[in-house]
Amino acid sequence: MTIGMNNLGKSGGIGEQLFQYASLVGIAKSRGFDFRIPEETKLSECFEMLHCGNRYGQVDGDEVIIDDDTEFCEDLMTDCPNHSTLTGSFQCEDYFIDAKRLLKWDLRFKKEILEKVVSDIEEMGLSEKVPEYDDEYHQLCLVSKRPELADDSLLSWWGVWISKNVGELK
């Protein structure tokens, strides 16, 4: 029994993709299903994706569309059909609140991103000059290490969430 998100990575930035992926993992966990995501996503460029393992590919099934991206659809948690592909932004933490342990395995920054940001933070010291990055990956990692730098973007929301929920692997 498998569900997927065939459109993951087709639009939006990494903040949107994180909501989609985390919600997919949470819904799959709730239903006792496995899941699949496309191979080419921003997530796999930024994170280790250890829990995702070999879960790359498409699901050939009916599409379930969620139009209201910020409202929680409890029916998906209990009645999401097998072999369906989910479409929507899923910008509600309720979808993945019970999947934190699974997500912490995936949302570990790739070594080269983490090392660059940690080095920049050390160089920054007590100065007020904040490193600026041209890509979302380093910016997200920076906010996860220094949550006080967060603004009101989805990217910052995820940086703070990662800071609070993705600690040392246990």
C-alpha atoms as a PDB file:
ATOM      1  CA  MET A   1       0.000   0.000   0.000  1.00  0.00           C
ATOM      2  CA  THR A   2       1.594   3.205  -1.250  1.00  0.00           C
ATOM      3  CA  ILE A   3       0.769   6.875  -1.750  1.00  0.00           C
ATOM      4  CA  GLY A   4       2.815   9.473  -3.541  1.00  0.00           C
ATOM      5  CA  MET A   5       3.212  13.088  -4.464  1.00  0.00           C
ATOM      6  CA  ASN A   6       4.085  12.999  -8.151  1.00  0.00           C
ATOM      7  CA  ASN A   7       4.068  16.815  -8.430  1.00  0.00           C
ATOM      8  CA  LEU A   8       6.524  17.406  -5.586  1.00  0.00           C
ATOM      9  CA  GLY A   9       9.174  19.787  -6.837  1.00  0.00           C
ATOM     10  CA  LYS A  10       7.246  20.975  -9.875  1.00  0.00           C
ATOM     11  CA  SER A  11       6.547  24.423  -8.428  1.00  0.00           C
ATOM     12  CA  GLY A  12       7.411  26.513  -5.408  1.00  0.00           C
ATOM     13  CA  GLY A  13      10.532  26.808  -3.369  1.00  0.00           C
ATOM     14  CA  ILE A  14      12.044  24.499  -0.819  1.00  0.00           C
ATOM     15  CA  GLY A  15       9.683  25.773   1.918  1.00  0.00           C
ATOM     16  CA  GLU A  16       6.666  24.615  -0.078  1.00  0.00           C
ATOM     17  CA  GLN A  17       8.339  21.301  -0.894  1.00  0.00           C
ATOM     18  CA  LEU A  18       9.087  20.709   2.773  1.00  0.00           C
ATOM     19  CA  PHE A  19       5.410  21.103   3.672  1.00  0.00           C
ATOM     20  CA  GLN A  20       4.411  18.741   0.868  1.00  0.00           C
ATOM     21  CA  TYR A  21       6.999  16.107   1.770  1.00  0.00           C
ATOM     22  CA  ALA A  22       6.414  16.268   5.527  1.00  0.00           C
ATOM     23  CA  SER A  23       2.652  15.996   5.000  1.00  0.00           C
ATOM     24  CA  LEU A  24       3.087  13.018   2.683  1.00  0.00           C
ATOM     25  CA  VAL A  25       5.229  11.258   5.312  1.00  0.00           C
ATOM     26  CA  GLY A  26       2.694  12.069   8.048  1.00  0.00           C
ATOM     27  CA  ILE A  27      -0.303  10.876   6.032  1.00  0.00           C
ATOM     28  CA  ALA A  28       1.522   7.687   4.989  1.00  0.00           C
ATOM     29  CA  LYS A  29       2.456   7.005   8.622  1.00  0.00           C
ATOM     30  CA  SER A  30      -1.115   7.599   9.760  1.00  0.00           C
ATOM     31  CA  ARG A  31      -2.493   5.181   7.154  1.00  0.00           C
ATOM     32  CA  GLY A  32       0.266   2.561   7.514  1.00  0.00           C
ATOM     33  CA  PHE A  33       1.290   3.147   3.877  1.00  0.00           C
ATOM     34  CA  ASP A  34       4.632   3.458   2.167  1.00  0.00           C
ATOM     35  CA  PHE A  35       5.246   6.557   0.025  1.00  0.00           C
ATOM     36  CA  ARG A  36       7.019   7.680  -3.152  1.00  0.00           C
ATOM     37  CA  ILE A  37       8.394  11.034  -4.335  1.00  0.00           C
ATOM     38  CA  PRO A  38       9.973  12.064  -7.641  1.00  0.00           C
ATOM     39  CA  GLU A  39      13.750  11.672  -7.859  1.00  0.00           C
ATOM     40  CA  GLU A  40      14.519  15.264  -8.845  1.00  0.00           C
ATOM     41  CA  THR A  41      13.533  17.575  -5.989  1.00  0.00           C
ATOM     42  CA  LYS A  42      15.188  20.446  -4.165  1.00  0.00           C
ATOM     43  CA  LEU A  43      14.920  18.357  -1.016  1.00  0.00           C
ATOM     44  CA  SER A  44      17.418  15.768  -2.216  1.00  0.00           C
ATOM     45  CA  GLU A  45      19.845  18.549  -3.178  1.00  0.00           C
ATOM     46  CA  CYS A  46      19.696  20.081   0.307  1.00  0.00           C
ATOM     47  CA  PHE A  47      19.105  17.194   2.719  1.00  0.00           C
ATOM     48  CA  GLU A  48      20.481  13.702   3.323  1.00  0.00           C
ATOM     49  CA  MET A  49      16.985  12.148   3.040  1.00  0.00           C
ATOM     50  CA  LEU A  50      18.052   9.069   5.064  1.00  0.00           C
ATOM     51  CA  HIS A  51      14.523   7.857   5.885  1.00  0.00           C
ATOM     52  CA  CYS A  52      13.390   8.315   2.287  1.00  0.00           C
ATOM     53  CA  GLY A  53      15.763   5.519   1.230  1.00  0.00           C
ATOM     54  CA  ASN A  54      14.631   3.965  -2.044  1.00  0.00           C
ATOM     55  CA  ARG A  55      11.238   5.661  -1.989  1.00  0.00           C
ATOM     56  CA  TYR A  56      11.789   7.500  -5.254  1.00  0.00           C
ATOM     57  CA  GLY A  57       9.412   7.085  -8.156  1.00  0.00           C
ATOM     58  CA  GLN A  58       5.881   7.818  -9.310  1.00  0.00           C
ATOM     59  CA  VAL A  59       2.587   6.394  -8.070  1.00  0.00           C
ATOM     60  CA  ASP A  60       0.153   5.400 -10.784  1.00  0.00           C
ATOM     61  CA  GLY A  61      -3.230   6.053  -9.232  1.00  0.00           C
ATOM     62  CA  ASP A  62      -6.008   8.517  -8.634  1.00  0.00           C
ATOM     63  CA  GLU A  63      -5.126  12.100  -7.791  1.00  0.00           C
ATOM     64  CA  VAL A  64      -6.331  13.556  -4.479  1.00  0.00           C
ATOM     65  CA  ILE A  65      -6.340  17.357  -4.668  1.00  0.00           C
ATOM     66  CA  ILE A  66      -6.400  19.580  -1.606  1.00  0.00           C
ATOM     67  CA  ASP A  67      -7.374  23.115  -2.660  1.00  0.00           C
ATOM     68  CA  ASP A  68      -7.293  24.878   0.709  1.00  0.00           C
ATOM     69  CA  ASP A  69      -3.605  24.654   1.476  1.00  0.00           C
ATOM     70  CA  THR A  70      -3.701  25.997   5.022  1.00  0.00           C
ATOM     71  CA  GLU A  71      -6.655  24.010   6.374  1.00  0.00           C
ATOM     72  CA  PHE A  72      -6.181  20.553   7.843  1.00  0.00           C
ATOM     73  CA  CYS A  73      -8.177  17.800   6.092  1.00  0.00           C
ATOM     74  CA  GLU A  74      -8.557  15.175   8.799  1.00  0.00           C
ATOM     75  CA  ASP A  75     -10.172  12.736   6.350  1.00  0.00           C
ATOM     76  CA  LEU A  76      -6.813  12.302   4.611  1.00  0.00           C
ATOM     77  CA  MET A  77      -5.320  10.993   7.845  1.00  0.00           C
ATOM     78  CA  THR A  78      -7.960   8.271   8.149  1.00  0.00           C
ATOM     79  CA  ASP A  79      -9.310   7.702   4.642  1.00  0.00           C
ATOM     80  CA  CYS A  80      -6.586   8.545   2.118  1.00  0.00           C
ATOM     81  CA  PRO A  81      -6.984   5.920  -0.603  1.00  0.00           C
ATOM     82  CA  ASN A  82      -4.250   3.427  -1.423  1.00  0.00           C
ATOM     83  CA  HIS A  83      -2.297   4.051  -4.662  1.00  0.00           C
ATOM     84  CA  SER A  84      -3.229   7.723  -4.823  1.00  0.00           C
ATOM     85  CA  THR A  85      -1.079  10.736  -5.560  1.00  0.00           C
ATOM     86  CA  LEU A  86      -1.579  13.851  -3.450  1.00  0.00           C
ATOM     87  CA  THR A  87      -1.628  17.355  -4.908  1.00  0.00           C
ATOM     88  CA  GLY A  88      -1.618  20.608  -2.938  1.00  0.00           C
ATOM     89  CA  SER A  89       0.659  22.659  -0.703  1.00  0.00           C
ATOM     90  CA  PHE A  90      -0.412  21.111   2.636  1.00  0.00           C
ATOM     91  CA  GLN A  91       0.779  24.096   4.673  1.00  0.00           C
ATOM     92  CA  CYS A  92      -0.468  22.786   7.986  1.00  0.00           C
ATOM     93  CA  GLU A  93       1.738  21.156  10.621  1.00  0.00           C
ATOM     94  CA  ASP A  94      -1.140  18.903  11.743  1.00  0.00           C
ATOM     95  CA  TYR A  95      -0.382  16.598   8.804  1.00  0.00           C
ATOM     96  CA  PHE A  96       3.065  15.703  10.131  1.00  0.00           C
ATOM     97  CA  ILE A  97       2.914  16.409  13.859  1.00  0.00           C
ATOM     98  CA  ASP A  98       3.171  12.658  14.581  1.00  0.00           C
ATOM     99  CA  ALA A  99       5.929  12.040  12.021  1.00  0.00           C
ATOM    100  CA  LYS A 100       8.717  14.102  13.599  1.00  0.00           C
ATOM    101  CA  ARG A 101      10.862  11.051  14.358  1.00  0.00           C
ATOM    102  CA  LEU A 102      10.732   9.973  10.715  1.00  0.00           C
ATOM    103  CA  LEU A 103      11.371  13.464   9.375  1.00  0.00           C
ATOM    104  CA  LYS A 104      14.418  14.057  11.557  1.00  0.00           C
ATOM    105  CA  TRP A 105      16.208  11.322   9.583  1.00  0.00           C
ATOM    106  CA  ASP A 106      15.535  13.105   6.302  1.00  0.00           C
ATOM    107  CA  LEU A 107      15.945  16.755   7.198  1.00  0.00           C
ATOM    108  CA  ARG A 108      19.655  16.684   7.929  1.00  0.00           C
ATOM    109  CA  PHE A 109      21.563  19.128   5.781  1.00  0.00           C
ATOM    110  CA  LYS A 110      24.101  17.808   3.314  1.00  0.00           C
ATOM    111  CA  LYS A 111      27.603  18.021   4.717  1.00  0.00           C
ATOM    112  CA  GLU A 112      28.868  20.701   2.324  1.00  0.00           C
ATOM    113  CA  ILE A 113      25.924  23.018   3.096  1.00  0.00           C
ATOM    114  CA  LEU A 114      26.212  22.549   6.843  1.00  0.00           C
ATOM    115  CA  GLU A 115      29.998  23.029   6.897  1.00  0.00           C
ATOM    116  CA  LYS A 116      29.778  26.269   4.878  1.00  0.00           C
ATOM    117  CA  VAL A 117      27.083  27.757   7.122  1.00  0.00           C
ATOM    118  CA  VAL A 118      28.807  26.719  10.359  1.00  0.00           C
ATOM    119  CA  SER A 119      32.058  28.248   9.090  1.00  0.00           C
ATOM    120  CA  ASP A 120      30.270  31.475   8.146  1.00  0.00           C
ATOM    121  CA  ILE A 121      28.598  31.653  11.566  1.00  0.00           C
ATOM    122  CA  GLU A 122      31.966  31.219  13.278  1.00  0.00           C
ATOM    123  CA  GLU A 123      33.453  34.008  11.138  1.00  0.00           C
ATOM    124  CA  MET A 124      30.452  36.189  11.879  1.00  0.00           C
ATOM    125  CA  GLY A 125      31.112  35.938  15.615  1.00  0.00           C
ATOM    126  CA  LEU A 126      29.413  38.733  17.503  1.00  0.00           C
ATOM    127  CA  SER A 127      29.211  41.052  14.519  1.00  0.00           C
ATOM    128  CA  GLU A 128      25.836  42.128  13.223  1.00  0.00           C
ATOM    129  CA  LYS A 129      26.795  41.276   9.637  1.00  0.00           C
ATOM    130  CA  VAL A 130      24.711  38.274   8.608  1.00  0.00           C
ATOM    131  CA  PRO A 131      25.981  36.104   5.756  1.00  0.00           C
ATOM    132  CA  GLU A 132      23.934  36.422   2.578  1.00  0.00           C
ATOM    133  CA  TYR A 133      23.421  33.440   0.319  1.00  0.00           C
ATOM    134  CA  ASP A 134      22.254  33.183  -3.256  1.00  0.00           C
ATOM    135  CA  ASP A 135      20.388  29.924  -2.658  1.00  0.00           C
ATOM    136  CA  GLU A 136      17.618  28.706  -0.402  1.00  0.00           C
ATOM    137  CA  TYR A 137      19.628  25.773   0.959  1.00  0.00           C
ATOM    138  CA  HIS A 138      22.255  27.817   2.773  1.00  0.00           C
ATOM    139  CA  GLN A 139      19.683  30.381   3.925  1.00  0.00           C
ATOM    140  CA  LEU A 140      17.501  27.604   5.385  1.00  0.00           C
ATOM    141  CA  CYS A 141      20.493  26.057   7.130  1.00  0.00           C
ATOM    142  CA  LEU A 142      21.511  29.455   8.544  1.00  0.00           C
ATOM    143  CA  VAL A 143      18.058  30.028  10.060  1.00  0.00           C
ATOM    144  CA  SER A 144      18.091  26.490  11.493  1.00  0.00           C
ATOM    145  CA  LYS A 145      21.360  27.320  13.280  1.00  0.00           C
ATOM    146  CA  ARG A 146      20.406  30.889  14.186  1.00  0.00           C
ATOM    147  CA  PRO A 147      16.581  30.985  14.536  1.00  0.00           C
ATOM    148  CA  GLU A 148      16.671  34.584  15.722  1.00  0.00           C
ATOM    149  CA  LEU A 149      17.433  35.527  12.098  1.00  0.00           C
ATOM    150  CA  ALA A 150      14.044  34.218  10.922  1.00  0.00           C
ATOM    151  CA  ASP A 151      11.624  36.422   9.018  1.00  0.00           C
ATOM    152  CA  ASP A 152       8.002  35.676   8.099  1.00  0.00           C
ATOM    153  CA  SER A 153       8.727  33.427   5.099  1.00  0.00           C
ATOM    154  CA  LEU A 154       8.002  29.711   4.691  1.00  0.00           C
ATOM    155  CA  LEU A 155      11.741  29.161   4.454  1.00  0.00           C
ATOM    156  CA  SER A 156      12.265  30.727   7.882  1.00  0.00           C
ATOM    157  CA  TRP A 157       9.311  28.799   9.332  1.00  0.00           C
ATOM    158  CA  TRP A 158      11.080  25.604   8.308  1.00  0.00           C
ATOM    159  CA  GLY A 159      14.452  26.822   9.561  1.00  0.00           C
ATOM    160  CA  VAL A 160      12.942  27.345  13.013  1.00  0.00           C
ATOM    161  CA  TRP A 161      11.072  24.010  12.845  1.00  0.00           C
ATOM    162  CA  ILE A 162      14.282  22.168  11.953  1.00  0.00           C
ATOM    163  CA  SER A 163      16.105  23.994  14.742  1.00  0.00           C
ATOM    164  CA  LYS A 164      13.534  22.755  17.288  1.00  0.00           C
ATOM    165  CA  ASN A 165      12.889  19.245  15.963  1.00  0.00           C
ATOM    166  CA  VAL A 166      15.942  17.868  14.189  1.00  0.00           C
ATOM    167  CA  GLY A 167      18.571  17.211  16.815  1.00  0.00           C
ATOM    168  CA  GLU A 168      21.124  14.489  17.145  1.00  0.00           C
ATOM    169  CA  LEU A 169      20.074  11.123  15.786  1.00  0.00           C
ATOM    170  CA  LYS A 170      19.109   8.750  18.578  1.00  0.00           C
END
